[in-house]
C-alpha atoms as a PDB file:
ATOM      1  CA  MET A   1     -15.823 -25.178 -18.480  1.00  0.00           C
ATOM      2  CA  GLN A   2     -13.039 -25.230 -15.900  1.00  0.00           C
ATOM      3  CA  LYS A   3     -14.195 -26.533 -12.513  1.00  0.00           C
ATOM      4  CA  PRO A   4     -13.634 -24.274  -9.494  1.00  0.00           C
ATOM      5  CA  VAL A   5     -10.634 -25.222  -7.376  1.00  0.00           C
ATOM      6  CA  THR A   6     -11.395 -26.747  -3.963  1.00  0.00           C
ATOM      7  CA  LEU A   7      -9.870 -24.570  -1.261  1.00  0.00           C
ATOM      8  CA  SER A   8      -8.871 -25.309   2.303  1.00  0.00           C
ATOM      9  CA  LYS A   9     -11.740 -24.913   4.739  1.00  0.00           C
ATOM     10  CA  GLY A  10     -12.609 -21.314   5.600  1.00  0.00           C
ATOM     11  CA  LYS A  11     -14.941 -18.471   4.761  1.00  0.00           C
ATOM     12  CA  VAL A  12     -13.822 -16.355   1.800  1.00  0.00           C
ATOM     13  CA  ALA A  13     -14.993 -12.811   1.081  1.00  0.00           C
ATOM     14  CA  VAL A  14     -14.384 -11.132  -2.278  1.00  0.00           C
ATOM     15  CA  LEU A  15     -14.038  -7.357  -1.855  1.00  0.00           C
ATOM     16  CA  ILE A  16     -14.629  -5.193  -4.930  1.00  0.00           C
ATOM     17  CA  PRO A  17     -14.305  -1.398  -4.473  1.00  0.00           C
ATOM     18  CA  CYS A  18     -16.081   0.314  -7.375  1.00  0.00           C
ATOM     19  CA  TYR A  19     -16.548   3.728  -8.889  1.00  0.00           C
ATOM     20  CA  ASN A  20     -18.371   3.949 -12.247  1.00  0.00           C
ATOM     21  CA  GLU A  21     -17.658   0.405 -13.435  1.00  0.00           C
ATOM     22  CA  GLU A  22     -20.997  -0.468 -15.069  1.00  0.00           C
ATOM     23  CA  VAL A  23     -19.201  -1.684 -18.213  1.00  0.00           C
ATOM     24  CA  THR A  24     -17.270  -4.418 -16.399  1.00  0.00           C
ATOM     25  CA  ILE A  25     -18.823  -5.141 -13.011  1.00  0.00           C
ATOM     26  CA  ALA A  26     -21.259  -7.823 -14.232  1.00  0.00           C
ATOM     27  CA  LYS A  27     -18.446  -9.913 -15.719  1.00  0.00           C
ATOM     28  CA  VAL A  28     -16.242  -9.458 -12.645  1.00  0.00           C
ATOM     29  CA  VAL A  29     -18.991 -10.643 -10.275  1.00  0.00           C
ATOM     30  CA  ASP A  30     -19.924 -13.577 -12.533  1.00  0.00           C
ATOM     31  CA  ASP A  31     -16.302 -14.660 -12.950  1.00  0.00           C
ATOM     32  CA  PHE A  32     -15.611 -14.687  -9.212  1.00  0.00           C
ATOM     33  CA  ARG A  33     -18.896 -16.433  -8.517  1.00  0.00           C
ATOM     34  CA  ARG A  34     -17.798 -19.155 -10.939  1.00  0.00           C
ATOM     35  CA  GLU A  35     -14.297 -19.524  -9.484  1.00  0.00           C
ATOM     36  CA  LEU A  36     -15.272 -19.149  -5.805  1.00  0.00           C
ATOM     37  CA  PRO A  37     -18.863 -20.445  -5.631  1.00  0.00           C
ATOM     38  CA  ASP A  38     -18.906 -20.532  -1.804  1.00  0.00           C
ATOM     39  CA  ALA A  39     -17.516 -17.020  -1.321  1.00  0.00           C
ATOM     40  CA  ASP A  40     -19.487 -13.915  -0.396  1.00  0.00           C
ATOM     41  CA  ILE A  41     -18.990 -11.226  -3.035  1.00  0.00           C
ATOM     42  CA  TYR A  42     -19.172  -7.631  -1.802  1.00  0.00           C
ATOM     43  CA  VAL A  43     -19.319  -4.607  -4.104  1.00  0.00           C
ATOM     44  CA  TYR A  44     -18.808  -1.272  -2.354  1.00  0.00           C
ATOM     45  CA  ASP A  45     -20.198   1.494  -4.556  1.00  0.00           C
ATOM     46  CA  ASN A  46     -18.180   4.681  -3.997  1.00  0.00           C
ATOM     47  CA  ASN A  47     -20.769   7.261  -5.177  1.00  0.00           C
ATOM     48  CA  SER A  48     -20.984   5.952  -8.738  1.00  0.00           C
ATOM     49  CA  SER A  49     -22.989   8.098 -11.118  1.00  0.00           C
ATOM     50  CA  ASP A  50     -23.792   5.131 -13.357  1.00  0.00           C
ATOM     51  CA  ARG A  51     -25.558   1.782 -12.765  1.00  0.00           C
ATOM     52  CA  THR A  52     -22.640  -0.014 -11.104  1.00  0.00           C
ATOM     53  CA  GLY A  53     -24.498  -0.882  -7.898  1.00  0.00           C
ATOM     54  CA  GLU A  54     -27.710  -1.873  -9.669  1.00  0.00           C
ATOM     55  CA  ILE A  55     -25.917  -4.203 -12.068  1.00  0.00           C
ATOM     56  CA  ALA A  56     -23.793  -5.785  -9.338  1.00  0.00           C
ATOM     57  CA  ARG A  57     -26.875  -6.471  -7.223  1.00  0.00           C
ATOM     58  CA  ALA A  58     -28.675  -8.035 -10.184  1.00  0.00           C
ATOM     59  CA  HIS A  59     -25.762 -10.452 -10.593  1.00  0.00           C
ATOM     60  CA  GLY A  60     -25.889 -11.593  -6.997  1.00  0.00           C
ATOM     61  CA  ALA A  61     -23.337  -9.391  -5.258  1.00  0.00           C
ATOM     62  CA  ILE A  62     -23.869  -7.876  -1.823  1.00  0.00           C
ATOM     63  CA  VAL A  63     -23.861  -4.153  -2.592  1.00  0.00           C
ATOM     64  CA  ARG A  64     -23.100  -1.459  -0.049  1.00  0.00           C
ATOM     65  CA  LEU A  65     -22.607   2.295  -0.439  1.00  0.00           C
ATOM     66  CA  GLU A  66     -19.510   4.107   0.803  1.00  0.00           C
ATOM     67  CA  PRO A  67     -20.160   7.878   0.634  1.00  0.00           C
ATOM     68  CA  ARG A  68     -16.591   8.988   1.484  1.00  0.00           C
ATOM     69  CA  GLN A  69     -14.829   9.336  -1.851  1.00  0.00           C
ATOM     70  CA  GLY A  70     -11.544   7.493  -2.351  1.00  0.00           C
ATOM     71  CA  LYS A  71     -10.381   3.887  -2.556  1.00  0.00           C
ATOM     72  CA  GLY A  72      -8.660   4.060   0.829  1.00  0.00           C
ATOM     73  CA  ASN A  73     -11.934   5.074   2.459  1.00  0.00           C
ATOM     74  CA  VAL A  74     -13.700   2.167   0.781  1.00  0.00           C
ATOM     75  CA  VAL A  75     -11.089  -0.353   1.915  1.00  0.00           C
ATOM     76  CA  ARG A  76     -11.246   0.984   5.483  1.00  0.00           C
ATOM     77  CA  GLN A  77     -14.994   0.381   5.642  1.00  0.00           C
ATOM     78  CA  MET A  78     -14.730  -3.027   3.980  1.00  0.00           C
ATOM     79  CA  PHE A  79     -12.183  -4.183   6.540  1.00  0.00           C
ATOM     80  CA  ARG A  80     -14.378  -2.904   9.375  1.00  0.00           C
ATOM     81  CA  ASP A  81     -17.628  -4.402   8.130  1.00  0.00           C
ATOM     82  CA  ILE A  82     -16.839  -7.826   6.757  1.00  0.00           C
ATOM     83  CA  GLU A  83     -16.063 -11.020   8.684  1.00  0.00           C
ATOM     84  CA  ALA A  84     -14.170 -13.809   6.927  1.00  0.00           C
ATOM     85  CA  ASP A  85     -11.155 -16.112   7.187  1.00  0.00           C
ATOM     86  CA  CYS A  86      -9.705 -14.967   3.869  1.00  0.00           C
ATOM     87  CA  TYR A  87     -10.294 -11.641   2.154  1.00  0.00           C
ATOM     88  CA  ILE A  88      -9.523 -11.292  -1.544  1.00  0.00           C
ATOM     89  CA  MET A  89      -9.560  -7.743  -2.894  1.00  0.00           C
ATOM     90  CA  VAL A  90      -9.836  -6.998  -6.600  1.00  0.00           C
ATOM     91  CA  ASP A  91     -10.661  -3.982  -8.744  1.00  0.00           C
ATOM     92  CA  GLY A  92     -13.965  -3.909 -10.600  1.00  0.00           C
ATOM     93  CA  ASP A  93     -12.413  -3.051 -13.983  1.00  0.00           C
ATOM     94  CA  ASP A  94     -11.946  -6.651 -15.243  1.00  0.00           C
ATOM     95  CA  THR A  95      -8.171  -6.333 -15.558  1.00  0.00           C
ATOM     96  CA  TYR A  96      -7.428  -9.163 -13.105  1.00  0.00           C
ATOM     97  CA  PRO A  97      -8.306 -12.806 -13.843  1.00  0.00           C
ATOM     98  CA  ALA A  98     -10.715 -14.521 -11.482  1.00  0.00           C
ATOM     99  CA  GLU A  99      -8.972 -17.775 -12.446  1.00  0.00           C
ATOM    100  CA  SER A 100      -6.087 -16.749 -10.153  1.00  0.00           C
ATOM    101  CA  ALA A 101      -8.339 -16.280  -7.110  1.00  0.00           C
ATOM    102  CA  ALA A 102      -7.776 -19.783  -5.744  1.00  0.00           C
ATOM    103  CA  ALA A 103      -3.998 -19.422  -6.060  1.00  0.00           C
ATOM    104  CA  LEU A 104      -4.176 -16.206  -4.018  1.00  0.00           C
ATOM    105  CA  CYS A 105      -6.550 -17.584  -1.375  1.00  0.00           C
ATOM    106  CA  GLU A 106      -5.037 -21.022  -0.766  1.00  0.00           C
ATOM    107  CA  PRO A 107      -1.817 -19.812   0.998  1.00  0.00           C
ATOM    108  CA  ILE A 108      -3.983 -17.663   3.291  1.00  0.00           C
ATOM    109  CA  LEU A 109      -6.420 -20.446   4.179  1.00  0.00           C
ATOM    110  CA  SER A 110      -3.642 -23.008   4.695  1.00  0.00           C
ATOM    111  CA  GLY A 111      -1.744 -20.640   6.997  1.00  0.00           C
ATOM    112  CA  ALA A 112       1.274 -20.319   4.689  1.00  0.00           C
ATOM    113  CA  ALA A 113       0.941 -16.530   4.156  1.00  0.00           C
ATOM    114  CA  ASP A 114      -0.760 -13.461   5.621  1.00  0.00           C
ATOM    115  CA  MET A 115      -0.849 -11.454   2.384  1.00  0.00           C
ATOM    116  CA  THR A 116      -0.614 -12.731  -1.171  1.00  0.00           C
ATOM    117  CA  VAL A 117       0.096 -10.269  -3.973  1.00  0.00           C
ATOM    118  CA  GLY A 118      -1.146 -10.655  -7.541  1.00  0.00           C
ATOM    119  CA  ASP A 119       2.087 -10.007  -9.439  1.00  0.00           C
ATOM    120  CA  ARG A 120       1.454  -8.563 -12.927  1.00  0.00           C
ATOM    121  CA  LEU A 121       5.064  -7.691 -13.727  1.00  0.00           C
ATOM    122  CA  SER A 122       7.283 -10.762 -13.511  1.00  0.00           C
ATOM    123  CA  ASN A 123       5.629 -12.556 -16.442  1.00  0.00           C
ATOM    124  CA  GLY A 124       5.587  -9.428 -18.640  1.00  0.00           C
ATOM    125  CA  THR A 125       1.833  -9.202 -19.202  1.00  0.00           C
ATOM    126  CA  TYR A 126       1.522  -5.762 -17.603  1.00  0.00           C
ATOM    127  CA  ALA A 127       4.180  -4.320 -19.917  1.00  0.00           C
ATOM    128  CA  GLU A 128       2.357  -5.794 -22.917  1.00  0.00           C
ATOM    129  CA  GLU A 129      -1.192  -4.844 -21.977  1.00  0.00           C
ATOM    130  CA  ASN A 130      -0.840  -1.551 -20.099  1.00  0.00           C
ATOM    131  CA  LYS A 131      -1.539   1.428 -22.377  1.00  0.00           C
ATOM    132  CA  ARG A 132      -1.072   4.172 -19.763  1.00  0.00           C
ATOM    133  CA  ALA A 133       2.169   6.080 -20.029  1.00  0.00           C
ATOM    134  CA  PHE A 134       4.538   6.126 -17.046  1.00  0.00           C
ATOM    135  CA  HIS A 135       2.492   3.674 -14.940  1.00  0.00           C
ATOM    136  CA  GLY A 136       5.221   1.048 -15.268  1.00  0.00           C
ATOM    137  CA  PHE A 137       7.869   3.626 -14.383  1.00  0.00           C
ATOM    138  CA  GLY A 138       5.881   4.712 -11.326  1.00  0.00           C
ATOM    139  CA  ASN A 139       5.553   1.133 -10.125  1.00  0.00           C
ATOM    140  CA  ASP A 140       9.316   0.590 -10.514  1.00  0.00           C
ATOM    141  CA  LEU A 141      10.044   3.820  -8.635  1.00  0.00           C
ATOM    142  CA  VAL A 142       7.834   2.837  -5.696  1.00  0.00           C
ATOM    143  CA  ARG A 143       9.352  -0.672  -5.627  1.00  0.00           C
ATOM    144  CA  SER A 144      12.841   0.815  -5.531  1.00  0.00           C
ATOM    145  CA  MET A 145      11.949   3.189  -2.695  1.00  0.00           C
ATOM    146  CA  ILE A 146      10.474   0.390  -0.581  1.00  0.00           C
ATOM    147  CA  ARG A 147      13.481  -1.839  -1.273  1.00  0.00           C
ATOM    148  CA  TRP A 148      15.868   0.957  -0.224  1.00  0.00           C
ATOM    149  CA  ILE A 149      13.958   1.856   2.946  1.00  0.00           C
ATOM    150  CA  TYR A 150      12.848  -1.592   4.115  1.00  0.00           C
ATOM    151  CA  GLY A 151      15.155  -4.009   2.309  1.00  0.00           C
ATOM    152  CA  TYR A 152      12.288  -5.999   0.788  1.00  0.00           C
ATOM    153  CA  GLY A 153      11.778  -6.320  -2.954  1.00  0.00           C
ATOM    154  CA  PHE A 154       8.165  -6.604  -4.072  1.00  0.00           C
ATOM    155  CA  GLU A 155       7.600  -7.901  -7.576  1.00  0.00           C
ATOM    156  CA  ASP A 156       4.538  -5.631  -7.914  1.00  0.00           C
ATOM    157  CA  VAL A 157       3.665  -2.921  -5.384  1.00  0.00           C
ATOM    158  CA  MET A 158       0.727  -1.180  -7.052  1.00  0.00           C
ATOM    159  CA  THR A 159      -1.384  -4.209  -7.935  1.00  0.00           C
ATOM    160  CA  GLY A 160      -5.009  -4.094  -6.795  1.00  0.00           C
ATOM    161  CA  TYR A 161      -5.324  -7.896  -6.621  1.00  0.00           C
ATOM    162  CA  ARG A 162      -4.435  -9.265  -3.169  1.00  0.00           C
ATOM    163  CA  ALA A 163      -5.624 -11.674  -0.505  1.00  0.00           C
ATOM    164  CA  PHE A 164      -5.306 -11.254   3.264  1.00  0.00           C
ATOM    165  CA  SER A 165      -5.737 -13.232   6.444  1.00  0.00           C
ATOM    166  CA  ARG A 166      -8.281 -12.181   9.040  1.00  0.00           C
ATOM    167  CA  ALA A 167      -5.565 -11.156  11.505  1.00  0.00           C
ATOM    168  CA  PHE A 168      -3.958  -8.905   8.877  1.00  0.00           C
ATOM    169  CA  VAL A 169      -7.245  -7.184   8.010  1.00  0.00           C
ATOM    170  CA  LYS A 170      -8.507  -6.676  11.543  1.00  0.00           C
ATOM    171  CA  THR A 171      -5.229  -5.176  12.801  1.00  0.00           C
ATOM    172  CA  PHE A 172      -4.445  -2.997   9.765  1.00  0.00           C
ATOM    173  CA  PRO A 173      -4.879   0.745  10.481  1.00  0.00           C
ATOM    174  CA  VAL A 174      -5.959   2.305   7.177  1.00  0.00           C
ATOM    175  CA  LEU A 175      -4.577   5.842   6.937  1.00  0.00           C
ATOM    176  CA  SER A 176      -4.901   6.506   3.199  1.00  0.00           C
ATOM    177  CA  GLU A 177      -7.937   8.015   1.534  1.00  0.00           C
ATOM    178  CA  GLY A 178      -7.214   7.276  -2.116  1.00  0.00           C
ATOM    179  CA  PHE A 179      -5.094   5.137  -4.423  1.00  0.00           C
ATOM    180  CA  GLN A 180      -2.188   5.201  -1.950  1.00  0.00           C
ATOM    181  CA  ILE A 181      -3.843   2.246  -0.221  1.00  0.00           C
ATOM    182  CA  GLU A 182      -1.872  -0.373  -2.201  1.00  0.00           C
ATOM    183  CA  THR A 183       1.413   1.234  -1.157  1.00  0.00           C
ATOM    184  CA  GLU A 184       0.245   1.450   2.449  1.00  0.00           C
ATOM    185  CA  LEU A 185      -0.731  -2.231   2.459  1.00  0.00           C
ATOM    186  CA  SER A 186       2.680  -3.195   1.072  1.00  0.00           C
ATOM    187  CA  ILE A 187       4.685  -1.083   3.532  1.00  0.00           C
ATOM    188  CA  HIS A 188       2.602  -2.215   6.502  1.00  0.00           C
ATOM    189  CA  ALA A 189       3.091  -5.872   5.550  1.00  0.00           C
ATOM    190  CA  VAL A 190       6.871  -5.461   5.275  1.00  0.00           C
ATOM    191  CA  ASP A 191       7.313  -3.324   8.389  1.00  0.00           C
ATOM    192  CA  ARG A 192       5.166  -5.610  10.569  1.00  0.00           C
ATOM    193  CA  ARG A 193       6.907  -8.700   9.174  1.00  0.00           C
ATOM    194  CA  TRP A 194       3.781 -10.383   7.874  1.00  0.00           C
ATOM    195  CA  ARG A 195       4.352 -13.400   5.657  1.00  0.00           C
ATOM    196  CA  ILE A 196       4.115 -12.184   2.055  1.00  0.00           C
ATOM    197  CA  LEU A 197       3.822 -14.320  -1.061  1.00  0.00           C
ATOM    198  CA  ASP A 198       3.921 -13.061  -4.664  1.00  0.00           C
ATOM    199  CA  VAL A 199       1.609 -14.959  -7.016  1.00  0.00           C
ATOM    200  CA  PRO A 200       2.179 -14.310 -10.757  1.00  0.00           C
ATOM    201  CA  ILE A 201      -1.033 -13.472 -12.608  1.00  0.00           C
ATOM    202  CA  VAL A 202      -1.992 -12.638 -16.184  1.00  0.00           C
ATOM    203  CA  TYR A 203      -2.958  -8.991 -16.578  1.00  0.00           C
ATOM    204  CA  ARG A 204      -5.263  -7.580 -19.240  1.00  0.00           C
ATOM    205  CA  ASP A 205      -5.928  -3.925 -19.993  1.00  0.00           C
ATOM    206  CA  ARG A 206      -9.335  -2.347 -19.499  1.00  0.00           C
ATOM    207  CA  PRO A 207     -11.937  -3.245 -22.122  1.00  0.00           C
ATOM    208  CA  ALA A 208     -13.299  -0.632 -24.513  1.00  0.00           C
ATOM    209  CA  GLY A 209     -15.588   1.874 -22.814  1.00  0.00           C
ATOM    210  CA  SER A 210     -13.969   1.475 -19.393  1.00  0.00           C
ATOM    211  CA  GLU A 211     -11.870   4.399 -18.166  1.00  0.00           C
ATOM    212  CA  SER A 212      -9.162   4.497 -15.511  1.00  0.00           C
ATOM    213  CA  LYS A 213      -9.748   6.766 -12.520  1.00  0.00           C
ATOM    214  CA  LEU A 214      -6.034   6.924 -11.714  1.00  0.00           C
ATOM    215  CA  SER A 215      -4.182  10.144 -12.533  1.00  0.00           C
ATOM    216  CA  THR A 216      -0.564   9.302 -13.333  1.00  0.00           C
ATOM    217  CA  VAL A 217       0.922  12.576 -12.068  1.00  0.00           C
ATOM    218  CA  SER A 218      -1.278  13.668  -9.151  1.00  0.00           C
ATOM    219  CA  ASP A 219      -1.860  10.179  -7.749  1.00  0.00           C
ATOM    220  CA  GLY A 220       1.819   9.344  -8.313  1.00  0.00           C
ATOM    221  CA  VAL A 221       2.844  12.348  -6.216  1.00  0.00           C
ATOM    222  CA  LYS A 222       0.386  11.295  -3.504  1.00  0.00           C
ATOM    223  CA  VAL A 223       1.893   7.800  -3.447  1.00  0.00           C
ATOM    224  CA  ILE A 224       5.439   9.160  -3.040  1.00  0.00           C
ATOM    225  CA  LEU A 225       4.297  11.494  -0.253  1.00  0.00           C
ATOM    226  CA  ALA A 226       2.531   8.549   1.388  1.00  0.00           C
ATOM    227  CA  ILE A 227       5.771   6.537   1.325  1.00  0.00           C
ATOM    228  CA  ALA A 228       7.602   9.431   3.003  1.00  0.00           C
ATOM    229  CA  SER A 229       4.878   9.772   5.641  1.00  0.00           C
ATOM    230  CA  LEU A 230       4.806   6.037   6.394  1.00  0.00           C
ATOM    231  CA  PHE A 231       8.615   5.990   6.506  1.00  0.00           C
ATOM    232  CA  LYS A 232       8.476   8.730   9.159  1.00  0.00           C
ATOM    233  CA  ASN A 233       5.794   6.883  11.139  1.00  0.00           C
ATOM    234  CA  TYR A 234       7.228   3.366  10.940  1.00  0.00           C
ATOM    235  CA  ARG A 235      10.982   4.110  10.968  1.00  0.00           C
ATOM    236  CA  PRO A 236      11.324   7.519  12.670  1.00  0.00           C
ATOM    237  CA  LEU A 237      14.943   7.051  13.789  1.00  0.00           C
ATOM    238  CA  LYS A 238      16.126   6.250  10.278  1.00  0.00           C
ATOM    239  CA  PHE A 239      14.000   9.047   8.795  1.00  0.00           C
ATOM    240  CA  PHE A 240      15.255  11.762  11.149  1.00  0.00           C
ATOM    241  CA  SER A 241      18.816  10.426  11.043  1.00  0.00           C
ATOM    242  CA  LEU A 242      18.852  11.041   7.292  1.00  0.00           C
ATOM    243  CA  ILE A 243      17.615  14.594   7.874  1.00  0.00           C
ATOM    244  CA  ALA A 244      20.271  15.031  10.573  1.00  0.00           C
ATOM    245  CA  LEU A 245      22.952  13.828   8.156  1.00  0.00           C
ATOM    246  CA  VAL A 246      21.920  16.433   5.570  1.00  0.00           C
ATOM    247  CA  LEU A 247      21.960  19.173   8.218  1.00  0.00           C
ATOM    248  CA  PHE A 248      25.345  17.981   9.490  1.00  0.00           C
ATOM    249  CA  VAL A 249      26.842  18.171   5.996  1.00  0.00           C
ATOM    250  CA  LEU A 250      25.403  21.664   5.490  1.00  0.00           C
ATOM    251  CA  GLY A 251      26.832  22.700   8.871  1.00  0.00           C
ATOM    252  CA  LEU A 252      30.266  21.429   7.842  1.00  0.00           C
ATOM    253  CA  VAL A 253      30.119  23.211   4.499  1.00  0.00           C
ATOM    254  CA  CYS A 254      29.341  26.494   6.229  1.00  0.00           C
ATOM    255  CA  GLY A 255      31.498  26.002   9.327  1.00  0.00           C
ATOM    256  CA  VAL A 256      34.777  24.461   8.152  1.00  0.00           C
ATOM    257  CA  PRO A 257      35.972  27.554   6.194  1.00  0.00           C
ATOM    258  CA  VAL A 258      35.149  29.750   9.177  1.00  0.00           C
ATOM    259  CA  ILE A 259      37.117  27.458  11.525  1.00  0.00           C
ATOM    260  CA  PHE A 260      40.145  27.383   9.207  1.00  0.00           C
ATOM    261  CA  GLU A 261      40.076  31.161   8.911  1.00  0.00           C
ATOM    262  CA  PHE A 262      39.875  31.527  12.684  1.00  0.00           C
ATOM    263  CA  MET A 263      42.836  29.155  13.144  1.00  0.00           C
ATOM    264  CA  LYS A 264      44.926  31.238  10.740  1.00  0.00           C
ATOM    265  CA  THR A 265      43.985  34.756  11.795  1.00  0.00           C
ATOM    266  CA  GLY A 266      42.250  34.426  15.152  1.00  0.00           C
ATOM    267  CA  LEU A 267      39.311  36.358  13.671  1.00  0.00           C
ATOM    268  CA  VAL A 268      35.797  35.464  12.556  1.00  0.00           C
ATOM    269  CA  PRO A 269      35.077  37.982   9.796  1.00  0.00           C
ATOM    270  CA  ARG A 270      32.196  35.967   8.343  1.00  0.00           C
ATOM    271  CA  PHE A 271      30.043  36.091  11.448  1.00  0.00           C
ATOM    272  CA  PRO A 272      26.675  35.412   9.724  1.00  0.00           C
ATOM    273  CA  THR A 273      28.124  32.255   8.132  1.00  0.00           C
ATOM    274  CA  ALA A 274      29.337  31.089  11.538  1.00  0.00           C
ATOM    275  CA  ILE A 275      25.861  31.612  13.005  1.00  0.00           C
ATOM    276  CA  LEU A 276      24.342  29.657  10.096  1.00  0.00           C
ATOM    277  CA  ALA A 277      26.763  26.764  10.679  1.00  0.00           C
ATOM    278  CA  VAL A 278      25.865  26.661  14.378  1.00  0.00           C
ATOM    279  CA  ALA A 279      22.164  26.717  13.481  1.00  0.00           C
ATOM    280  CA  PHE A 280      22.585  23.742  11.125  1.00  0.00           C
ATOM    281  CA  MET A 281      24.403  21.777  13.828  1.00  0.00           C
ATOM    282  CA  PHE A 282      21.730  22.631  16.372  1.00  0.00           C
ATOM    283  CA  LEU A 283      19.001  21.443  13.998  1.00  0.00           C
ATOM    284  CA  CYS A 284      21.044  18.301  13.356  1.00  0.00           C
ATOM    285  CA  ALA A 285      21.095  17.504  17.076  1.00  0.00           C
ATOM    286  CA  LEU A 286      17.398  18.350  17.373  1.00  0.00           C
ATOM    287  CA  SER A 287      16.555  16.018  14.490  1.00  0.00           C
ATOM    288  CA  LEU A 288      18.471  13.157  16.093  1.00  0.00           C
ATOM    289  CA  ALA A 289      16.742  13.757  19.436  1.00  0.00           C
ATOM    290  CA  THR A 290      13.346  13.789  17.688  1.00  0.00           C
ATOM    291  CA  GLY A 291      14.164  10.520  15.957  1.00  0.00           C
ATOM    292  CA  LEU A 292      15.178   8.847  19.225  1.00  0.00           C
ATOM    293  CA  ILE A 293      12.019   9.967  21.038  1.00  0.00           C
ATOM    294  CA  LEU A 294       9.682   8.970  18.202  1.00  0.00           C
ATOM    295  CA  ASP A 295      11.503   5.655  17.823  1.00  0.00           C
ATOM    296  CA  SER A 296      10.688   4.831  21.439  1.00  0.00           C
ATOM    297  CA  LEU A 297       7.034   5.687  20.812  1.00  0.00           C
ATOM    298  CA  ALA A 298       6.998   3.618  17.616  1.00  0.00           C
ATOM    299  CA  LYS A 299       8.390   0.602  19.482  1.00  0.00           C
ATOM    300  CA  ALA A 300       5.726   0.984  22.162  1.00  0.00           C
ATOM    301  CA  ASP A 301       3.067   1.169  19.446  1.00  0.00           C
ATOM    302  CA  ARG A 302       4.524  -1.954  17.821  1.00  0.00           C
ATOM    303  CA  ARG A 303       4.281  -3.848  21.108  1.00  0.00           C
ATOM    304  CA  GLN A 304       0.609  -2.891  21.464  1.00  0.00           C
ATOM    305  CA  TRP A 305      -0.022  -3.897  17.860  1.00  0.00           C
ATOM    306  CA  GLU A 306       1.646  -7.286  18.412  1.00  0.00           C
ATOM    307  CA  LEU A 307      -0.635  -7.926  21.389  1.00  0.00           C
ATOM    308  CA  ALA A 308      -3.652  -6.948  19.277  1.00  0.00           C
ATOM    309  CA  VAL A 309      -2.570  -9.495  16.650  1.00  0.00           C
ATOM    310  CA  TYR A 310      -2.315 -12.228  19.312  1.00  0.00           C
ATOM    311  CA  ARG A 311      -5.814 -11.398  20.541  1.00  0.00           C
ATOM    312  CA  GLU A 312      -7.199 -11.479  17.022  1.00  0.00           C
ATOM    313  CA  MET A 313      -5.528 -14.805  16.215  1.00  0.00           C
ATOM    314  CA  ARG A 314      -6.942 -16.365  19.381  1.00  0.00           C
ATOM    315  CA  ARG A 315     -10.407 -15.372  18.156  1.00  0.00           C
END
């Protein structure tokens, strides 16, 4: 049997959000107990209708109930409740190897990273093992959107296997309720300039009898809407400038023919079109003004957040 890896000094907490995972939860808890024998293992039961909580407790996990449905709600409560130096979060479906836990935790405990990401994609195991249509496409789409907006290229955005520093966890404002939480974690880490490290892992698909709770279409739409919302909140000037650009182009399309006609004839026969062009230009200016105001507020919020991080790190 492989011996557990000795980590840098620090308290480690394993966070396992669960909903109806009685088929796999025993193995997940046992595997992480073997790999991280000194860690506290928490299973948050999100209103499971099966024996998930009972089985996890029997295998030595600390089990707590989170009545608000949704993975984002579970993560919010985990981050509020639990005290540790390194937090490693993993799904309870036995798709992520506990053998990679030390590789994810060590950069956090040594101070080399604030968030490590279990990368399933770069070594090709996700493409080989994943049986759910369009999940790979959705991951690529989200990666591309984040790269375009923030200029940072994640290897794997939607992975549920990550580790975090205490300062990251205790200053992270969870806004999501459901499976958008992975995207929110990624965008927050990039926007706040946390140190991020991708750690390649081997992925395996769910075992027989275990069913995914992720809906490709509905949850995919929620993720895209979450990216748009976070883009507006974190980068309001860029967000509203893009809207202003669209309105400006529409104003030109409507207004230029009217101007040319006026220059030739001295008349404005298409009066409704002229009014529409003016309206587009007015909305363009309003969008830019909104972006500038919200950008000032966002910068003030960032300053307060930076001070909160300093206070947390001093603790």
